[in-house]
N, C-alpha and C. Protein backbone atom coordinates (compact mmCIF):
# COMPACT_ATOMS: atom_id res chain seq x y z
N UNK A 1 -7.14 -5.48 2.92
CA UNK A 1 -6.92 -6.50 2.69
C UNK A 1 -6.00 -7.01 1.60
N UNK A 2 -5.02 -7.49 0.81
CA UNK A 2 -4.59 -7.55 -0.20
C UNK A 2 -4.66 -9.20 -0.56
N UNK A 3 -5.37 -9.11 -1.73
CA UNK A 3 -5.34 -10.49 -2.50
C UNK A 3 -4.03 -10.85 -3.04
N UNK A 4 -3.96 -11.78 -3.50
CA UNK A 4 -2.69 -12.84 -4.35
C UNK A 4 -2.39 -12.07 -5.82
N UNK A 5 -3.88 -11.32 -6.34
CA UNK A 5 -3.69 -10.76 -7.53
C UNK A 5 -3.11 -9.56 -7.65
N UNK A 6 -3.60 -8.70 -6.22
CA UNK A 6 -3.18 -7.37 -6.23
C UNK A 6 -1.43 -7.34 -5.91
N UNK A 7 -1.13 -8.50 -5.23
CA UNK A 7 0.27 -8.61 -5.07
C UNK A 7 1.21 -9.19 -6.22
N UNK A 8 0.46 -9.59 -6.96
CA UNK A 8 0.96 -10.05 -8.35
C UNK A 8 1.16 -8.91 -9.08
N UNK A 9 0.06 -7.99 -9.05
CA UNK A 9 0.31 -6.74 -10.00
C UNK A 9 1.15 -5.64 -9.06
N UNK A 10 1.20 -5.47 -8.13
CA UNK A 10 2.88 -4.99 -7.38
C UNK A 10 3.86 -5.31 -7.64
N UNK A 11 4.09 -6.63 -7.53
CA UNK A 11 5.39 -7.45 -7.56
C UNK A 11 5.59 -6.78 -9.25
N UNK A 12 4.71 -7.30 -10.38
CA UNK A 12 5.11 -6.76 -11.55
C UNK A 12 5.36 -5.36 -12.00
N UNK A 13 4.72 -4.59 -11.40
CA UNK A 13 5.02 -3.39 -11.93
C UNK A 13 6.63 -2.74 -10.84
N UNK A 14 6.62 -3.58 -10.12
CA UNK A 14 8.18 -3.23 -9.30
C UNK A 14 9.28 -4.02 -10.20
N UNK A 15 8.79 -4.97 -10.55
CA UNK A 15 9.55 -5.43 -11.90
C UNK A 15 10.03 -4.96 -13.25
N UNK A 16 9.08 -4.26 -13.50
CA UNK A 16 9.08 -3.49 -14.66
C UNK A 16 9.93 -2.52 -14.59
N UNK A 17 9.54 -1.53 -13.33
CA UNK A 17 10.27 -0.50 -13.09
C UNK A 17 11.77 -0.89 -12.91
N UNK A 18 12.57 -2.03 -12.21
CA UNK A 18 13.71 -2.28 -11.66
C UNK A 18 14.33 -2.39 -13.37
N UNK A 19 13.64 -3.52 -14.06
CA UNK A 19 14.37 -3.56 -15.63
C UNK A 19 14.47 -2.21 -16.23
N UNK A 20 13.30 -1.35 -16.02
CA UNK A 20 13.76 0.09 -16.79
C UNK A 20 14.60 0.40 -16.10
N UNK A 21 15.44 0.58 -14.82
CA UNK A 21 16.20 1.17 -14.15
C UNK A 21 17.48 0.69 -14.76
N UNK A 22 17.55 -0.77 -14.59
CA UNK A 22 18.67 -1.39 -14.95
C UNK A 22 18.98 -0.89 -16.34
N UNK A 23 18.12 -0.72 -17.41
CA UNK A 23 17.95 -0.60 -18.64
C UNK A 23 19.05 0.47 -19.03
N UNK A 24 18.35 1.60 -18.00
CA UNK A 24 18.81 3.00 -18.29
C UNK A 24 20.31 2.91 -18.09
N UNK A 25 20.81 2.40 -17.50
CA UNK A 25 22.22 2.39 -16.72
C UNK A 25 23.19 1.99 -17.80
N UNK A 26 22.42 0.90 -18.52
CA UNK A 26 22.97 0.06 -19.74
C UNK A 26 23.38 0.90 -20.94
N UNK A 27 22.21 1.92 -21.60
CA UNK A 27 22.06 2.43 -22.51
C UNK A 27 23.08 3.44 -22.53
N UNK A 28 23.64 4.13 -23.70
CA UNK A 28 24.57 5.13 -23.36
C UNK A 28 24.30 6.54 -23.89
N UNK A 29 23.20 6.57 -24.91
CA UNK A 29 22.94 7.89 -25.12
C UNK A 29 21.77 8.65 -24.07
N UNK A 30 21.38 10.00 -24.25
CA UNK A 30 20.90 10.59 -22.94
C UNK A 30 19.71 10.64 -23.22
N UNK A 31 19.58 10.54 -24.63
CA UNK A 31 18.06 10.67 -25.26
C UNK A 31 17.56 9.23 -24.49
N UNK A 32 18.20 7.90 -25.03
CA UNK A 32 17.65 6.66 -24.26
C UNK A 32 17.16 6.61 -22.92
N UNK A 33 18.30 7.37 -22.14
CA UNK A 33 18.15 7.74 -20.62
C UNK A 33 17.08 8.28 -20.31
N UNK A 34 17.13 9.53 -21.10
CA UNK A 34 15.49 10.34 -20.69
C UNK A 34 14.24 9.83 -20.77
N UNK A 35 14.32 8.72 -22.23
CA UNK A 35 12.91 7.90 -22.48
C UNK A 35 12.72 7.01 -21.27
N UNK A 36 14.17 6.44 -20.73
CA UNK A 36 13.69 5.49 -20.13
C UNK A 36 12.83 6.12 -18.23
N UNK A 37 13.30 7.24 -17.96
CA UNK A 37 13.32 8.12 -17.01
C UNK A 37 11.86 8.75 -17.30
N UNK A 38 11.34 9.14 -18.47
CA UNK A 38 9.91 9.56 -18.39
C UNK A 38 8.60 8.38 -18.73
N UNK A 39 9.19 7.06 -19.32
CA UNK A 39 8.40 5.75 -19.15
C UNK A 39 8.67 5.04 -17.34
N UNK A 40 9.81 5.18 -16.49
CA UNK A 40 9.10 5.24 -15.02
C UNK A 40 8.70 5.95 -14.73
N UNK A 41 8.02 6.94 -14.75
CA UNK A 41 7.31 8.00 -14.20
C UNK A 41 5.92 7.58 -14.23
N UNK A 42 5.72 7.07 -15.48
CA UNK A 42 4.22 6.40 -15.75
C UNK A 42 4.01 5.44 -14.82
N UNK A 43 4.80 4.47 -14.81
CA UNK A 43 4.82 3.38 -14.07
C UNK A 43 4.95 3.55 -12.76
N UNK A 44 5.85 4.31 -12.05
CA UNK A 44 5.74 5.30 -10.71
C UNK A 44 4.44 5.62 -10.57
N UNK A 45 3.40 6.27 -11.47
CA UNK A 45 2.15 6.90 -11.48
C UNK A 45 1.24 5.32 -10.96
N UNK A 46 1.43 4.62 -11.80
CA UNK A 46 0.39 3.18 -11.64
C UNK A 46 0.62 2.40 -10.37
N UNK A 47 1.47 2.69 -10.04
CA UNK A 47 2.40 2.07 -8.59
C UNK A 47 1.29 2.61 -7.65
N UNK A 48 1.33 4.22 -7.44
CA UNK A 48 0.79 4.97 -6.40
C UNK A 48 -0.36 4.50 -6.48
N UNK A 49 -0.92 4.85 -8.00
CA UNK A 49 -2.48 4.56 -7.90
C UNK A 49 -3.34 2.88 -7.44
N UNK A 50 -2.01 1.86 -7.85
CA UNK A 50 -2.68 0.57 -7.10
C UNK A 50 -2.23 0.78 -6.08
N UNK A 51 -1.54 1.03 -5.22
CA UNK A 51 -1.45 0.84 -3.93
C UNK A 51 -2.51 1.92 -2.88
N UNK A 52 -3.06 2.89 -3.37
CA UNK A 52 -4.28 3.37 -3.54
C UNK A 52 -5.25 2.49 -3.51
N UNK A 53 -5.66 2.31 -4.36
CA UNK A 53 -6.81 1.07 -4.28
C UNK A 53 -6.75 0.17 -3.33
N UNK A 54 -5.37 -0.54 -3.32
CA UNK A 54 -5.16 -1.39 -2.01
C UNK A 54 -6.12 -1.15 -0.85
N UNK A 55 -5.21 0.23 -0.41
CA UNK A 55 -5.23 0.45 1.29
C UNK A 55 -6.85 0.98 1.11
N UNK A 56 -7.35 1.41 0.06
CA UNK A 56 -8.89 2.17 -0.10
C UNK A 56 -8.95 3.23 0.50
N UNK A 57 -8.09 3.98 -0.11
CA UNK A 57 -8.18 5.51 0.14
C UNK A 57 -7.72 6.02 -1.45
N UNK A 58 -8.68 5.80 -2.30
CA UNK A 58 -8.23 6.02 -3.46
C UNK A 58 -8.07 7.81 -4.06
N UNK A 59 -8.65 8.35 -3.32
CA UNK A 59 -9.08 9.89 -3.35
C UNK A 59 -7.71 10.58 -2.83
N UNK A 60 -7.27 10.02 -2.17
CA UNK A 60 -5.67 10.69 -1.67
C UNK A 60 -4.70 10.10 -2.39
N UNK A 61 -4.74 8.86 -2.82
CA UNK A 61 -3.40 8.71 -3.53
C UNK A 61 -3.71 8.81 -5.24
N UNK A 62 -5.00 9.26 -5.81
CA UNK A 62 -5.30 9.82 -7.13
C UNK A 62 -4.45 11.11 -6.96
N UNK A 63 -4.66 12.18 -5.85
CA UNK A 63 -3.91 13.32 -5.99
C UNK A 63 -2.46 13.42 -5.76
N UNK A 64 -1.88 12.39 -5.22
CA UNK A 64 -0.47 12.59 -5.41
C UNK A 64 -0.02 12.16 -6.84
N UNK A 65 -0.82 11.01 -7.39
CA UNK A 65 -0.35 10.68 -8.59
C UNK A 65 -0.74 11.65 -9.64
N UNK A 66 -1.58 12.34 -9.54
CA UNK A 66 -1.73 13.69 -10.47
C UNK A 66 -0.54 14.69 -9.87
N UNK A 67 -0.47 15.07 -8.70
CA UNK A 67 0.88 15.65 -8.52
C UNK A 67 2.01 15.14 -8.84
N UNK A 68 2.26 14.06 -9.16
CA UNK A 68 3.75 13.23 -9.76
C UNK A 68 3.77 13.25 -10.93
N UNK A 69 2.21 13.27 -11.57
CA UNK A 69 2.62 12.77 -12.83
C UNK A 69 2.72 14.48 -14.02
N UNK A 70 2.32 15.42 -13.23
CA UNK A 70 1.98 16.79 -13.72
C UNK A 70 3.51 17.53 -13.20
N UNK A 71 4.08 17.11 -12.48
CA UNK A 71 5.95 17.10 -12.14
C UNK A 71 6.70 16.56 -13.17
N UNK A 72 6.30 15.46 -13.32
CA UNK A 72 6.85 14.59 -14.39
C UNK A 72 6.58 15.26 -16.00
N UNK A 73 5.47 15.76 -16.15
CA UNK A 73 5.45 16.54 -17.76
C UNK A 73 5.88 17.56 -17.52
N UNK A 74 5.87 18.43 -16.74
CA UNK A 74 6.44 19.57 -16.99
C UNK A 74 7.86 19.38 -16.82
N UNK A 75 8.73 18.53 -16.19
CA UNK A 75 10.10 18.05 -16.77
C UNK A 75 10.57 17.65 -17.72
N UNK A 76 9.40 17.06 -18.43
CA UNK A 76 9.93 16.20 -19.34
C UNK A 76 9.54 17.47 -20.71
N UNK A 77 8.76 18.68 -20.40
CA UNK A 77 8.42 19.63 -21.62
C UNK A 77 9.73 20.71 -21.53
N UNK A 78 10.20 20.78 -20.24
CA UNK A 78 11.44 21.85 -19.70
C UNK A 78 12.91 20.78 -20.74
N UNK A 79 13.03 19.51 -20.31
CA UNK A 79 14.00 19.02 -20.81
C UNK A 79 14.50 18.63 -22.65
N UNK A 80 12.65 18.81 -23.14
CA UNK A 80 12.67 18.59 -24.37
C UNK A 80 13.19 20.38 -24.78
N UNK A 81 12.71 21.11 -24.52
CA UNK A 81 12.67 22.75 -24.62
C UNK A 81 14.43 22.84 -24.81
N UNK A 82 15.41 22.34 -23.47
CA UNK A 82 16.55 22.26 -23.22
C UNK A 82 17.45 21.44 -24.37
N UNK A 83 17.30 20.42 -24.83
CA UNK A 83 17.64 19.62 -25.40
C UNK A 83 17.37 19.79 -27.33
N UNK A 84 16.54 20.41 -27.32
CA UNK A 84 15.81 20.71 -28.65
C UNK A 84 16.97 22.13 -28.93
N UNK A 85 17.03 22.84 -27.94
CA UNK A 85 17.82 24.18 -28.55
C UNK A 85 16.93 25.31 -28.68
N UNK A 86 17.34 26.03 -29.27
CA UNK A 86 16.38 27.62 -29.91
C UNK A 86 16.89 27.66 -31.26
N UNK A 87 15.40 27.72 -31.64
CA UNK A 87 15.20 27.68 -32.96
C UNK A 87 15.51 29.20 -33.31
N UNK A 88 15.89 30.07 -34.54
CA UNK A 88 16.40 31.41 -34.88
C UNK A 88 15.77 31.59 -36.22
C-alpha cells in the first residue's frame, strides 16, 4: 500500500526527471546534453528502487536497477573515450 509520503517521493523524482529532460533539450552543447543524460540515469535508478520498495519486492528491483546502472556506466565510459579522442 502506497502512503502519501511515497507518493510525494515518486512525484518529486518524476518532476526532477522531467526538468532534466526539458533542460537537456534547451542546452546547446553536446557535453551539457550528455551530462543531463547521465544525471537522468541516476534519477531513473532511484525511481526503480523506490518502486521496488513500495512494491515489496526489493530483491528483484535491485537487480534491475544494478543492471541499468552498470549499462549507464559502461555507456558513459565509452562516450567519454569517444569524445576525448585518442592520445598519441
